[in-house]
Amino acid sequence: MRFLKFTIIFAVLAFGIYYISASYMQDSKTYTYQKEINYPIEKVFPQYNNLQNFKNWNSFFKDQKNLKYSFFTPYEGLNSTLSWANENGKNEGDLSIKFSEPNKAIRYFWFRPNENFPTVIEVKFKKISTDKTSISYLVKTPKVPVLYRPFHVVSEKFFTENISSSLANLSNLLSNKVDKEKRLARLKFDSVMVENQSNAILLGINVSTSNKKDALIKNIVLNYNKVKNYLQTDLQKESDEFGFPIIITDPNNLKSKDISYFIGFPLSKKVNISDNNFIYRYLSTQKQLVIYYKGDYFGRLRAIQKLNTEAKKQELRTGQLHETFLENPSETGEETLKLALEIL
């Protein structure tokens, strides 16, 4: 009986000490971090606003190779969502964009398993100069009841180290993009030339859709994201493991009411795929009649007409049309395209 009383008293005292200690712990925490990055705000912001881009350089995701990702439309901006699971399919978290003001600010909600309220991550962007951007983070953890506070400690070090290494990754990624842009700047647009097409393996999908001006480019953007998402989430491919997206279509159907096309990304080698929606397409070595084009997507028809005119002039037999997007396809912006007719 005395032992039982002692046990009860000890348990009450232990609980009291635990409760008092926990009550002195903050119910939530706020962390801040600020750094300047030597790239223009117009290049930096899209890497945060598109969660497919965000996953590729953020260290939290980049350092965990066994995670499986799911992206939900819209793929960028307000209400876009990224979900990830472990190799057994158990959900490990969700990240959503709940506020997005272009080149100004983004607010993310990060939900962790068994938490009803999110960690809120606010990122603000400030243009310092034409080639420098200030990035400021404000991280707010959710409020935690007294008894659970000792088990929900996320250290400031966790966030600051992750942000610091992530920004280093982002700098490397943007450096490669700048090099690419310099190469694009050297392209000679609107001039017809002959180039050699090397052997290539493309992974993509076949599509049939309306050929109306706005409907077509929207459909292309949708399927571009679909294939890219499959490469990066299901096949775990990094962005440097596949090439520029290519559309292959019959040039005789460009003015038809409906159009069919294949859209795919070049891979260095074939890998096993389990989703029957995706197929491989093989390109053999051949000569192509090529023109580089920059402008809205519908305007590419004028450039293609130049190819057809040159082919007739040289009495060439031509095959299918290849449209290579040298920049990500956009519903509203300019497209940078390599347009090529197969020479048979």
C-alpha atoms as a PDB file:
ATOM      1  CA  MET A   1       0.000   0.000   0.000  1.00  0.00           C
ATOM      2  CA  ARG A   2       2.839   2.353   0.921  1.00  0.00           C
ATOM      3  CA  PHE A   3       4.569   1.520  -2.387  1.00  0.00           C
ATOM      4  CA  LEU A   4       1.383   2.303  -4.303  1.00  0.00           C
ATOM      5  CA  LYS A   5       1.037   5.692  -2.571  1.00  0.00           C
ATOM      6  CA  PHE A   6       4.691   6.451  -3.309  1.00  0.00           C
ATOM      7  CA  THR A   7       4.184   5.522  -6.953  1.00  0.00           C
ATOM      8  CA  ILE A   8       1.109   7.747  -7.272  1.00  0.00           C
ATOM      9  CA  ILE A   9       2.834  10.689  -5.567  1.00  0.00           C
ATOM     10  CA  PHE A  10       5.908  10.248  -7.749  1.00  0.00           C
ATOM     11  CA  ALA A  11       3.775  10.072 -10.901  1.00  0.00           C
ATOM     12  CA  VAL A  12       1.865  13.229  -9.914  1.00  0.00           C
ATOM     13  CA  LEU A  13       5.106  15.078  -9.173  1.00  0.00           C
ATOM     14  CA  ALA A  14       6.685  13.884 -12.432  1.00  0.00           C
ATOM     15  CA  PHE A  15       3.635  14.956 -14.407  1.00  0.00           C
ATOM     16  CA  GLY A  16       3.617  18.314 -12.633  1.00  0.00           C
ATOM     17  CA  ILE A  17       7.279  18.917 -13.435  1.00  0.00           C
ATOM     18  CA  TYR A  18       6.701  17.826 -17.054  1.00  0.00           C
ATOM     19  CA  TYR A  19       3.639  20.077 -17.388  1.00  0.00           C
ATOM     20  CA  ILE A  20       5.370  23.097 -15.865  1.00  0.00           C
ATOM     21  CA  SER A  21       8.423  22.568 -18.084  1.00  0.00           C
ATOM     22  CA  ALA A  22       6.253  22.143 -21.178  1.00  0.00           C
ATOM     23  CA  SER A  23       4.190  25.223 -20.336  1.00  0.00           C
ATOM     24  CA  TYR A  24       7.339  27.345 -20.442  1.00  0.00           C
ATOM     25  CA  MET A  25       8.034  26.144 -23.987  1.00  0.00           C
ATOM     26  CA  GLN A  26       6.678  28.315 -26.795  1.00  0.00           C
ATOM     27  CA  ASP A  27       3.429  27.064 -28.308  1.00  0.00           C
ATOM     28  CA  SER A  28       4.823  27.989 -31.744  1.00  0.00           C
ATOM     29  CA  LYS A  29       8.091  29.299 -33.122  1.00  0.00           C
ATOM     30  CA  THR A  30       9.042  31.890 -35.700  1.00  0.00           C
ATOM     31  CA  TYR A  31      12.282  31.858 -37.671  1.00  0.00           C
ATOM     32  CA  THR A  32      13.653  34.353 -40.170  1.00  0.00           C
ATOM     33  CA  TYR A  33      16.353  34.112 -42.828  1.00  0.00           C
ATOM     34  CA  GLN A  34      17.535  36.573 -45.465  1.00  0.00           C
ATOM     35  CA  LYS A  35      20.021  36.273 -48.293  1.00  0.00           C
ATOM     36  CA  GLU A  36      20.865  37.958 -51.577  1.00  0.00           C
ATOM     37  CA  ILE A  37      21.294  35.909 -54.732  1.00  0.00           C
ATOM     38  CA  ASN A  38      23.125  37.124 -57.851  1.00  0.00           C
ATOM     39  CA  TYR A  39      20.309  36.549 -60.335  1.00  0.00           C
ATOM     40  CA  PRO A  40      17.432  38.750 -61.522  1.00  0.00           C
ATOM     41  CA  ILE A  41      14.096  38.483 -59.763  1.00  0.00           C
ATOM     42  CA  GLU A  42      12.430  37.415 -63.038  1.00  0.00           C
ATOM     43  CA  LYS A  43      14.577  34.257 -63.005  1.00  0.00           C
ATOM     44  CA  VAL A  44      14.330  33.570 -59.269  1.00  0.00           C
ATOM     45  CA  PHE A  45      10.582  33.865 -58.679  1.00  0.00           C
ATOM     46  CA  PRO A  46       9.464  31.105 -61.133  1.00  0.00           C
ATOM     47  CA  GLN A  47      11.683  28.626 -59.274  1.00  0.00           C
ATOM     48  CA  TYR A  48       9.527  29.176 -56.182  1.00  0.00           C
ATOM     49  CA  ASN A  49       6.178  29.585 -57.920  1.00  0.00           C
ATOM     50  CA  ASN A  50       6.357  26.265 -59.803  1.00  0.00           C
ATOM     51  CA  LEU A  51       6.524  23.326 -57.374  1.00  0.00           C
ATOM     52  CA  GLN A  52       8.049  21.049 -60.003  1.00  0.00           C
ATOM     53  CA  ASN A  53      10.928  23.518 -60.238  1.00  0.00           C
ATOM     54  CA  PHE A  54      10.977  23.964 -56.457  1.00  0.00           C
ATOM     55  CA  LYS A  55      11.433  20.238 -55.809  1.00  0.00           C
ATOM     56  CA  ASN A  56      14.498  20.043 -58.039  1.00  0.00           C
ATOM     57  CA  TRP A  57      16.684  22.422 -56.032  1.00  0.00           C
ATOM     58  CA  ASN A  58      15.212  22.438 -52.517  1.00  0.00           C
ATOM     59  CA  SER A  59      17.531  20.385 -50.308  1.00  0.00           C
ATOM     60  CA  PHE A  60      14.668  18.898 -48.267  1.00  0.00           C
ATOM     61  CA  PHE A  61      13.571  16.989 -51.373  1.00  0.00           C
ATOM     62  CA  LYS A  62      16.849  16.760 -53.278  1.00  0.00           C
ATOM     63  CA  ASP A  63      18.621  14.936 -50.417  1.00  0.00           C
ATOM     64  CA  GLN A  64      15.882  12.289 -50.054  1.00  0.00           C
ATOM     65  CA  LYS A  65      16.144   9.895 -52.982  1.00  0.00           C
ATOM     66  CA  ASN A  66      13.409   7.419 -52.020  1.00  0.00           C
ATOM     67  CA  LEU A  67      10.464   9.784 -51.896  1.00  0.00           C
ATOM     68  CA  LYS A  68       7.630   9.518 -54.396  1.00  0.00           C
ATOM     69  CA  TYR A  69       5.977  12.746 -55.531  1.00  0.00           C
ATOM     70  CA  SER A  70       2.546  13.741 -56.788  1.00  0.00           C
ATOM     71  CA  PHE A  71       1.755  17.125 -58.318  1.00  0.00           C
ATOM     72  CA  PHE A  72      -1.763  18.510 -58.620  1.00  0.00           C
ATOM     73  CA  THR A  73      -3.064  21.088 -61.064  1.00  0.00           C
ATOM     74  CA  PRO A  74      -2.545  23.930 -61.366  1.00  0.00           C
ATOM     75  CA  TYR A  75       1.159  23.094 -61.573  1.00  0.00           C
ATOM     76  CA  GLU A  76       2.234  26.598 -60.579  1.00  0.00           C
ATOM     77  CA  GLY A  77       0.936  29.581 -58.662  1.00  0.00           C
ATOM     78  CA  LEU A  78      -1.992  29.823 -56.290  1.00  0.00           C
ATOM     79  CA  ASN A  79      -3.396  26.467 -55.040  1.00  0.00           C
ATOM     80  CA  SER A  80      -0.731  24.319 -56.729  1.00  0.00           C
ATOM     81  CA  THR A  81       0.135  21.374 -54.484  1.00  0.00           C
ATOM     82  CA  LEU A  82       2.965  18.895 -54.041  1.00  0.00           C
ATOM     83  CA  SER A  83       2.502  15.704 -52.024  1.00  0.00           C
ATOM     84  CA  TRP A  84       5.221  13.187 -51.160  1.00  0.00           C
ATOM     85  CA  ALA A  85       5.276   9.665 -49.773  1.00  0.00           C
ATOM     86  CA  ASN A  86       7.915   7.182 -48.670  1.00  0.00           C
ATOM     87  CA  GLU A  87       8.842   4.078 -50.674  1.00  0.00           C
ATOM     88  CA  ASN A  88       5.987   2.164 -48.983  1.00  0.00           C
ATOM     89  CA  GLY A  89       3.432   4.723 -50.150  1.00  0.00           C
ATOM     90  CA  LYS A  90       2.863   6.331 -46.730  1.00  0.00           C
ATOM     91  CA  ASN A  91       2.225  10.058 -46.959  1.00  0.00           C
ATOM     92  CA  GLU A  92       5.078  12.122 -45.530  1.00  0.00           C
ATOM     93  CA  GLY A  93       3.743  15.607 -46.174  1.00  0.00           C
ATOM     94  CA  ASP A  94       2.044  18.133 -48.439  1.00  0.00           C
ATOM     95  CA  LEU A  95       3.121  21.571 -49.643  1.00  0.00           C
ATOM     96  CA  SER A  96       0.666  24.066 -51.154  1.00  0.00           C
ATOM     97  CA  ILE A  97       0.944  27.631 -52.409  1.00  0.00           C
ATOM     98  CA  LYS A  98      -1.739  29.699 -50.665  1.00  0.00           C
ATOM     99  CA  PHE A  99      -0.642  33.151 -51.833  1.00  0.00           C
ATOM    100  CA  SER A 100       1.352  34.221 -54.865  1.00  0.00           C
ATOM    101  CA  GLU A 101       2.115  37.741 -56.060  1.00  0.00           C
ATOM    102  CA  PRO A 102       4.498  37.654 -59.052  1.00  0.00           C
ATOM    103  CA  ASN A 103       8.023  38.824 -58.203  1.00  0.00           C
ATOM    104  CA  LYS A 104       6.813  39.957 -54.762  1.00  0.00           C
ATOM    105  CA  ALA A 105       5.847  37.184 -52.356  1.00  0.00           C
ATOM    106  CA  ILE A 106       4.744  33.563 -51.912  1.00  0.00           C
ATOM    107  CA  ARG A 107       3.127  31.843 -48.938  1.00  0.00           C
ATOM    108  CA  TYR A 108       3.390  28.067 -48.546  1.00  0.00           C
ATOM    109  CA  PHE A 109       1.430  25.778 -46.230  1.00  0.00           C
ATOM    110  CA  TRP A 110       3.459  22.729 -45.200  1.00  0.00           C
ATOM    111  CA  PHE A 111       1.418  19.961 -43.609  1.00  0.00           C
ATOM    112  CA  ARG A 112       3.295  17.188 -41.830  1.00  0.00           C
ATOM    113  CA  PRO A 113       1.737  13.806 -40.947  1.00  0.00           C
ATOM    114  CA  ASN A 114      -0.658  13.833 -37.973  1.00  0.00           C
ATOM    115  CA  GLU A 115      -0.724  17.629 -37.834  1.00  0.00           C
ATOM    116  CA  ASN A 116      -4.002  19.513 -38.255  1.00  0.00           C
ATOM    117  CA  PHE A 117      -2.373  22.888 -38.801  1.00  0.00           C
ATOM    118  CA  PRO A 118       0.412  23.786 -41.225  1.00  0.00           C
ATOM    119  CA  THR A 119       3.835  25.286 -40.870  1.00  0.00           C
ATOM    120  CA  VAL A 120       3.543  28.576 -42.762  1.00  0.00           C
ATOM    121  CA  ILE A 121       6.524  29.618 -44.883  1.00  0.00           C
ATOM    122  CA  GLU A 122       6.429  33.152 -46.289  1.00  0.00           C
ATOM    123  CA  VAL A 123       9.027  34.173 -48.854  1.00  0.00           C
ATOM    124  CA  LYS A 124       9.418  37.778 -49.986  1.00  0.00           C
ATOM    125  CA  PHE A 125      11.442  38.913 -52.987  1.00  0.00           C
ATOM    126  CA  LYS A 126      13.016  42.320 -53.507  1.00  0.00           C
ATOM    127  CA  LYS A 127      14.830  43.542 -56.583  1.00  0.00           C
ATOM    128  CA  ILE A 128      18.233  44.896 -55.563  1.00  0.00           C
ATOM    129  CA  SER A 129      19.495  45.466 -59.107  1.00  0.00           C
ATOM    130  CA  THR A 130      18.999  44.024 -62.573  1.00  0.00           C
ATOM    131  CA  ASP A 131      21.027  40.956 -61.611  1.00  0.00           C
ATOM    132  CA  LYS A 132      20.567  40.680 -57.835  1.00  0.00           C
ATOM    133  CA  THR A 133      17.583  39.656 -55.692  1.00  0.00           C
ATOM    134  CA  SER A 134      16.992  39.734 -51.931  1.00  0.00           C
ATOM    135  CA  ILE A 135      15.080  36.706 -50.599  1.00  0.00           C
ATOM    136  CA  SER A 136      13.561  36.850 -47.098  1.00  0.00           C
ATOM    137  CA  TYR A 137      12.027  33.868 -45.300  1.00  0.00           C
ATOM    138  CA  LEU A 138       9.588  33.913 -42.392  1.00  0.00           C
ATOM    139  CA  VAL A 139       8.770  30.461 -40.991  1.00  0.00           C
ATOM    140  CA  LYS A 140       5.942  30.023 -38.462  1.00  0.00           C
ATOM    141  CA  THR A 141       5.378  26.619 -36.877  1.00  0.00           C
ATOM    142  CA  PRO A 142       1.813  25.669 -35.838  1.00  0.00           C
ATOM    143  CA  LYS A 143       0.642  26.113 -32.258  1.00  0.00           C
ATOM    144  CA  VAL A 144       1.040  22.946 -30.189  1.00  0.00           C
ATOM    145  CA  PRO A 145      -0.899  22.007 -26.990  1.00  0.00           C
ATOM    146  CA  VAL A 146       1.152  22.088 -23.772  1.00  0.00           C
ATOM    147  CA  LEU A 147       1.494  18.310 -23.357  1.00  0.00           C
ATOM    148  CA  TYR A 148       2.776  17.796 -26.905  1.00  0.00           C
ATOM    149  CA  ARG A 149       5.297  20.637 -27.097  1.00  0.00           C
ATOM    150  CA  PRO A 150       8.406  18.614 -26.118  1.00  0.00           C
ATOM    151  CA  PHE A 151       7.702  16.234 -29.022  1.00  0.00           C
ATOM    152  CA  HIS A 152       7.190  18.928 -31.653  1.00  0.00           C
ATOM    153  CA  VAL A 153      10.473  20.750 -31.571  1.00  0.00           C
ATOM    154  CA  VAL A 154      11.679  21.807 -35.027  1.00  0.00           C
ATOM    155  CA  SER A 155      14.965  23.607 -34.567  1.00  0.00           C
ATOM    156  CA  GLU A 156      15.952  26.840 -36.229  1.00  0.00           C
ATOM    157  CA  LYS A 157      19.092  25.056 -37.419  1.00  0.00           C
ATOM    158  CA  PHE A 158      16.940  22.637 -39.452  1.00  0.00           C
ATOM    159  CA  PHE A 159      15.374  25.508 -41.401  1.00  0.00           C
ATOM    160  CA  THR A 160      18.441  27.721 -41.802  1.00  0.00           C
ATOM    161  CA  GLU A 161      20.686  24.879 -42.987  1.00  0.00           C
ATOM    162  CA  ASN A 162      18.037  23.684 -45.417  1.00  0.00           C
ATOM    163  CA  ILE A 163      17.455  27.180 -46.802  1.00  0.00           C
ATOM    164  CA  SER A 164      21.178  27.895 -47.096  1.00  0.00           C
ATOM    165  CA  SER A 165      21.965  24.679 -48.982  1.00  0.00           C
ATOM    166  CA  SER A 166      18.819  25.092 -51.107  1.00  0.00           C
ATOM    167  CA  LEU A 167      19.879  28.555 -52.227  1.00  0.00           C
ATOM    168  CA  ALA A 168      23.286  27.160 -53.177  1.00  0.00           C
ATOM    169  CA  ASN A 169      21.502  24.558 -55.321  1.00  0.00           C
ATOM    170  CA  LEU A 170      19.321  27.279 -56.825  1.00  0.00           C
ATOM    171  CA  SER A 171      22.391  29.356 -57.742  1.00  0.00           C
ATOM    172  CA  ASN A 172      23.911  26.375 -59.550  1.00  0.00           C
ATOM    173  CA  LEU A 173      20.677  25.710 -61.404  1.00  0.00           C
ATOM    174  CA  LEU A 174      20.286  29.346 -62.476  1.00  0.00           C
ATOM    175  CA  SER A 175      23.915  29.442 -63.540  1.00  0.00           C
ATOM    176  CA  ASN A 176      23.220  26.594 -65.962  1.00  0.00           C
ATOM    177  CA  LYS A 177      20.110  28.419 -67.196  1.00  0.00           C
ATOM    178  CA  VAL A 178      22.101  31.592 -67.841  1.00  0.00           C
ATOM    179  CA  ASP A 179      24.628  29.590 -69.871  1.00  0.00           C
ATOM    180  CA  LYS A 180      21.737  28.124 -71.847  1.00  0.00           C
ATOM    181  CA  GLU A 181      20.273  31.574 -72.466  1.00  0.00           C
ATOM    182  CA  LYS A 182      23.611  32.799 -73.789  1.00  0.00           C
ATOM    183  CA  ARG A 183      23.652  29.885 -76.243  1.00  0.00           C
ATOM    184  CA  LEU A 184      20.075  30.714 -77.278  1.00  0.00           C
ATOM    185  CA  ALA A 185      21.048  34.342 -77.790  1.00  0.00           C
ATOM    186  CA  ARG A 186      23.575  33.215 -80.404  1.00  0.00           C
ATOM    187  CA  LEU A 187      20.926  31.417 -82.460  1.00  0.00           C
ATOM    188  CA  LYS A 188      20.133  32.786 -85.893  1.00  0.00           C
ATOM    189  CA  PHE A 189      16.350  33.108 -86.120  1.00  0.00           C
ATOM    190  CA  ASP A 190      14.169  33.002 -89.239  1.00  0.00           C
ATOM    191  CA  SER A 191      16.907  31.592 -91.491  1.00  0.00           C
ATOM    192  CA  VAL A 192      16.445  28.181 -93.133  1.00  0.00           C
ATOM    193  CA  MET A 193      19.361  25.743 -92.869  1.00  0.00           C
ATOM    194  CA  VAL A 194      20.116  22.025 -93.023  1.00  0.00           C
ATOM    195  CA  GLU A 195      21.103  20.206 -89.824  1.00  0.00           C
ATOM    196  CA  ASN A 196      21.771  16.585 -88.894  1.00  0.00           C
ATOM    197  CA  GLN A 197      19.380  14.774 -86.528  1.00  0.00           C
ATOM    198  CA  SER A 198      21.157  12.226 -84.318  1.00  0.00           C
ATOM    199  CA  ASN A 199      19.690   8.983 -83.014  1.00  0.00           C
ATOM    200  CA  ALA A 200      17.381   9.662 -80.072  1.00  0.00           C
ATOM    201  CA  ILE A 201      15.028   7.881 -77.681  1.00  0.00           C
ATOM    202  CA  LEU A 202      11.934   9.879 -76.719  1.00  0.00           C
ATOM    203  CA  LEU A 203       9.548   9.044 -73.886  1.00  0.00           C
ATOM    204  CA  GLY A 204       6.150  10.667 -74.180  1.00  0.00           C
ATOM    205  CA  ILE A 205       2.481  10.370 -75.096  1.00  0.00           C
ATOM    206  CA  ASN A 206       0.252  10.528 -78.176  1.00  0.00           C
ATOM    207  CA  VAL A 207      -2.377  13.267 -78.113  1.00  0.00           C
ATOM    208  CA  SER A 208      -5.388  14.311 -80.195  1.00  0.00           C
ATOM    209  CA  THR A 209      -6.918  17.729 -79.546  1.00  0.00           C
ATOM    210  CA  SER A 210      -8.576  20.802 -81.008  1.00  0.00           C
ATOM    211  CA  ASN A 211      -6.374  22.826 -83.340  1.00  0.00           C
ATOM    212  CA  LYS A 212      -7.868  26.149 -82.268  1.00  0.00           C
ATOM    213  CA  LYS A 213      -5.252  28.788 -81.450  1.00  0.00           C
ATOM    214  CA  ASP A 214      -5.602  28.991 -77.647  1.00  0.00           C
ATOM    215  CA  ALA A 215      -6.846  25.431 -77.099  1.00  0.00           C
ATOM    216  CA  LEU A 216      -3.796  23.860 -78.767  1.00  0.00           C
ATOM    217  CA  ILE A 217      -1.113  25.620 -76.739  1.00  0.00           C
ATOM    218  CA  LYS A 218      -3.065  24.999 -73.515  1.00  0.00           C
ATOM    219  CA  ASN A 219      -3.203  21.305 -74.383  1.00  0.00           C
ATOM    220  CA  ILE A 220       0.525  21.259 -75.146  1.00  0.00           C
ATOM    221  CA  VAL A 221       1.370  22.882 -71.795  1.00  0.00           C
ATOM    222  CA  LEU A 222      -0.881  20.379 -69.996  1.00  0.00           C
ATOM    223  CA  ASN A 223       0.749  17.346 -71.632  1.00  0.00           C
ATOM    224  CA  TYR A 224       4.245  18.804 -71.307  1.00  0.00           C
ATOM    225  CA  ASN A 225       3.687  18.945 -67.544  1.00  0.00           C
ATOM    226  CA  LYS A 226       2.145  15.465 -67.544  1.00  0.00           C
ATOM    227  CA  VAL A 227       5.185  13.862 -69.196  1.00  0.00           C
ATOM    228  CA  LYS A 228       7.681  15.921 -67.199  1.00  0.00           C
ATOM    229  CA  ASN A 229       5.894  15.018 -63.976  1.00  0.00           C
ATOM    230  CA  TYR A 230       6.083  11.306 -64.873  1.00  0.00           C
ATOM    231  CA  LEU A 231       9.810  11.584 -65.590  1.00  0.00           C
ATOM    232  CA  GLN A 232      10.601  13.385 -62.361  1.00  0.00           C
ATOM    233  CA  THR A 233       8.222  11.665 -59.943  1.00  0.00           C
ATOM    234  CA  ASP A 234       7.692   8.121 -61.184  1.00  0.00           C
ATOM    235  CA  LEU A 235      11.050   7.621 -62.901  1.00  0.00           C
ATOM    236  CA  GLN A 236      12.999   9.846 -60.461  1.00  0.00           C
ATOM    237  CA  LYS A 237      14.819  11.670 -63.275  1.00  0.00           C
ATOM    238  CA  GLU A 238      16.656  14.902 -62.533  1.00  0.00           C
ATOM    239  CA  SER A 239      16.201  17.818 -64.932  1.00  0.00           C
ATOM    240  CA  ASP A 240      19.666  17.253 -66.418  1.00  0.00           C
ATOM    241  CA  GLU A 241      18.806  13.633 -67.302  1.00  0.00           C
ATOM    242  CA  PHE A 242      16.422  14.489 -70.143  1.00  0.00           C
ATOM    243  CA  GLY A 243      16.486  16.926 -73.033  1.00  0.00           C
ATOM    244  CA  PHE A 244      14.218  19.562 -74.537  1.00  0.00           C
ATOM    245  CA  PRO A 245      10.609  18.495 -75.205  1.00  0.00           C
ATOM    246  CA  ILE A 246       9.827  17.628 -78.830  1.00  0.00           C
ATOM    247  CA  ILE A 247       6.477  17.572 -80.606  1.00  0.00           C
ATOM    248  CA  ILE A 248       6.196  15.376 -83.710  1.00  0.00           C
ATOM    249  CA  THR A 249       3.227  15.879 -86.018  1.00  0.00           C
ATOM    250  CA  ASP A 250       2.097  15.681 -89.643  1.00  0.00           C
ATOM    251  CA  PRO A 251       2.698  19.111 -91.242  1.00  0.00           C
ATOM    252  CA  ASN A 252      -0.230  18.514 -93.631  1.00  0.00           C
ATOM    253  CA  ASN A 253      -2.665  18.682 -90.689  1.00  0.00           C
ATOM    254  CA  LEU A 254      -1.554  22.033 -89.256  1.00  0.00           C
ATOM    255  CA  LYS A 255      -4.674  23.782 -90.564  1.00  0.00           C
ATOM    256  CA  SER A 256      -7.136  20.999 -89.760  1.00  0.00           C
ATOM    257  CA  LYS A 257      -9.907  21.420 -87.186  1.00  0.00           C
ATOM    258  CA  ASP A 258      -8.295  18.767 -84.967  1.00  0.00           C
ATOM    259  CA  ILE A 259      -4.678  17.700 -84.716  1.00  0.00           C
ATOM    260  CA  SER A 260      -2.752  14.684 -83.440  1.00  0.00           C
ATOM    261  CA  TYR A 261       0.771  14.902 -82.111  1.00  0.00           C
ATOM    262  CA  PHE A 262       3.374  13.101 -80.032  1.00  0.00           C
ATOM    263  CA  ILE A 263       5.150  15.011 -77.252  1.00  0.00           C
ATOM    264  CA  GLY A 264       8.175  13.509 -75.554  1.00  0.00           C
ATOM    265  CA  PHE A 265      11.538  14.142 -73.913  1.00  0.00           C
ATOM    266  CA  PRO A 266      14.857  12.666 -75.103  1.00  0.00           C
ATOM    267  CA  LEU A 267      16.499  10.179 -72.716  1.00  0.00           C
ATOM    268  CA  SER A 268      20.038   8.821 -72.820  1.00  0.00           C
ATOM    269  CA  LYS A 269      18.739   5.239 -72.572  1.00  0.00           C
ATOM    270  CA  LYS A 270      15.506   3.272 -72.335  1.00  0.00           C
ATOM    271  CA  VAL A 271      14.170   2.486 -68.863  1.00  0.00           C
ATOM    272  CA  ASN A 272      11.311   0.211 -67.847  1.00  0.00           C
ATOM    273  CA  ILE A 273       7.937   1.920 -67.587  1.00  0.00           C
ATOM    274  CA  SER A 274       4.729   0.528 -66.076  1.00  0.00           C
ATOM    275  CA  ASP A 275       2.217   3.180 -67.177  1.00  0.00           C
ATOM    276  CA  ASN A 276       0.667   2.306 -70.539  1.00  0.00           C
ATOM    277  CA  ASN A 277      -0.192   5.950 -71.177  1.00  0.00           C
ATOM    278  CA  PHE A 278       3.466   6.567 -72.007  1.00  0.00           C
ATOM    279  CA  ILE A 279       5.362   5.164 -74.969  1.00  0.00           C
ATOM    280  CA  TYR A 280       8.812   5.284 -76.517  1.00  0.00           C
ATOM    281  CA  ARG A 281       9.528   6.760 -79.907  1.00  0.00           C
ATOM    282  CA  TYR A 282      12.843   6.349 -81.709  1.00  0.00           C
ATOM    283  CA  LEU A 283      14.480   8.880 -84.000  1.00  0.00           C
ATOM    284  CA  SER A 284      17.097   7.753 -86.487  1.00  0.00           C
ATOM    285  CA  THR A 285      19.984   9.740 -87.947  1.00  0.00           C
ATOM    286  CA  GLN A 286      18.779  11.923 -90.814  1.00  0.00           C
ATOM    287  CA  LYS A 287      19.044  15.390 -92.304  1.00  0.00           C
ATOM    288  CA  GLN A 288      16.476  18.040 -91.448  1.00  0.00           C
ATOM    289  CA  LEU A 289      15.461  21.358 -92.901  1.00  0.00           C
ATOM    290  CA  VAL A 290      15.545  23.685 -89.876  1.00  0.00           C
ATOM    291  CA  ILE A 291      14.443  27.161 -88.883  1.00  0.00           C
ATOM    292  CA  TYR A 292      14.624  28.757 -85.403  1.00  0.00           C
ATOM    293  CA  TYR A 293      11.606  30.778 -84.349  1.00  0.00           C
ATOM    294  CA  LYS A 294      10.753  33.116 -81.464  1.00  0.00           C
ATOM    295  CA  GLY A 295       7.245  34.459 -80.915  1.00  0.00           C
ATOM    296  CA  ASP A 296       3.714  33.373 -80.030  1.00  0.00           C
ATOM    297  CA  TYR A 297       2.914  29.748 -80.792  1.00  0.00           C
ATOM    298  CA  PHE A 298       0.347  30.418 -83.525  1.00  0.00           C
ATOM    299  CA  GLY A 299       2.878  32.589 -85.379  1.00  0.00           C
ATOM    300  CA  ARG A 300       5.152  29.595 -85.927  1.00  0.00           C
ATOM    301  CA  LEU A 301       3.015  28.742 -88.992  1.00  0.00           C
ATOM    302  CA  ARG A 302       4.760  31.500 -90.945  1.00  0.00           C
ATOM    303  CA  ALA A 303       8.155  29.967 -90.127  1.00  0.00           C
ATOM    304  CA  ILE A 304       6.928  26.493 -91.118  1.00  0.00           C
ATOM    305  CA  GLN A 305       5.733  27.942 -94.425  1.00  0.00           C
ATOM    306  CA  LYS A 306       9.300  29.134 -95.041  1.00  0.00           C
ATOM    307  CA  LEU A 307      10.471  25.541 -94.558  1.00  0.00           C
ATOM    308  CA  ASN A 308       7.888  24.259 -97.033  1.00  0.00           C
ATOM    309  CA  THR A 309       8.817  26.933 -99.582  1.00  0.00           C
ATOM    310  CA  GLU A 310      12.524  26.070 -99.292  1.00  0.00           C
ATOM    311  CA  ALA A 311      11.770  22.337 -99.583  1.00  0.00           C
ATOM    312  CA  LYS A 312       9.813  22.907-102.810  1.00  0.00           C
ATOM    313  CA  LYS A 313      12.558  25.156-104.139  1.00  0.00           C
ATOM    314  CA  GLN A 314      15.164  22.438-103.565  1.00  0.00           C
ATOM    315  CA  GLU A 315      12.737  19.703-104.715  1.00  0.00           C
ATOM    316  CA  LEU A 316      13.105  17.852-101.402  1.00  0.00           C
ATOM    317  CA  ARG A 317      10.776  15.132-100.166  1.00  0.00           C
ATOM    318  CA  THR A 318       9.912  15.891 -96.569  1.00  0.00           C
ATOM    319  CA  GLY A 319       8.359  13.901 -93.737  1.00  0.00           C
ATOM    320  CA  GLN A 320       7.087  14.791 -90.315  1.00  0.00           C
ATOM    321  CA  LEU A 321       7.484  18.098 -88.513  1.00  0.00           C
ATOM    322  CA  HIS A 322       9.519  18.271 -85.290  1.00  0.00           C
ATOM    323  CA  GLU A 323       8.913  21.196 -82.934  1.00  0.00           C
ATOM    324  CA  THR A 324      11.542  21.402 -80.181  1.00  0.00           C
ATOM    325  CA  PHE A 325      10.774  23.774 -77.305  1.00  0.00           C
ATOM    326  CA  LEU A 326      14.057  25.422 -76.323  1.00  0.00           C
ATOM    327  CA  GLU A 327      12.208  27.137 -73.461  1.00  0.00           C
ATOM    328  CA  ASN A 328       9.326  25.730 -71.415  1.00  0.00           C
ATOM    329  CA  PRO A 329       6.066  26.062 -73.378  1.00  0.00           C
ATOM    330  CA  SER A 330       3.827  28.865 -72.135  1.00  0.00           C
ATOM    331  CA  GLU A 331       0.144  29.647 -72.665  1.00  0.00           C
ATOM    332  CA  THR A 332       0.720  33.394 -72.699  1.00  0.00           C
ATOM    333  CA  GLY A 333       4.387  34.159 -73.363  1.00  0.00           C
ATOM    334  CA  GLU A 334       6.770  33.842 -76.284  1.00  0.00           C
ATOM    335  CA  GLU A 335       7.920  30.431 -77.454  1.00  0.00           C
ATOM    336  CA  THR A 336      11.471  29.673 -78.548  1.00  0.00           C
ATOM    337  CA  LEU A 337      11.302  26.829 -81.038  1.00  0.00           C
ATOM    338  CA  LYS A 338      13.475  24.778 -83.334  1.00  0.00           C
ATOM    339  CA  LEU A 339      11.204  23.786 -86.243  1.00  0.00           C
ATOM    340  CA  ALA A 340      12.481  20.950 -88.418  1.00  0.00           C
ATOM    341  CA  LEU A 341      11.137  19.028 -91.415  1.00  0.00           C
ATOM    342  CA  GLU A 342      12.509  15.546 -91.984  1.00  0.00           C
ATOM    343  CA  ILE A 343      14.333  15.222 -95.316  1.00  0.00           C
ATOM    344  CA  LEU A 344      13.466  11.814 -96.760  1.00  0.00           C
END
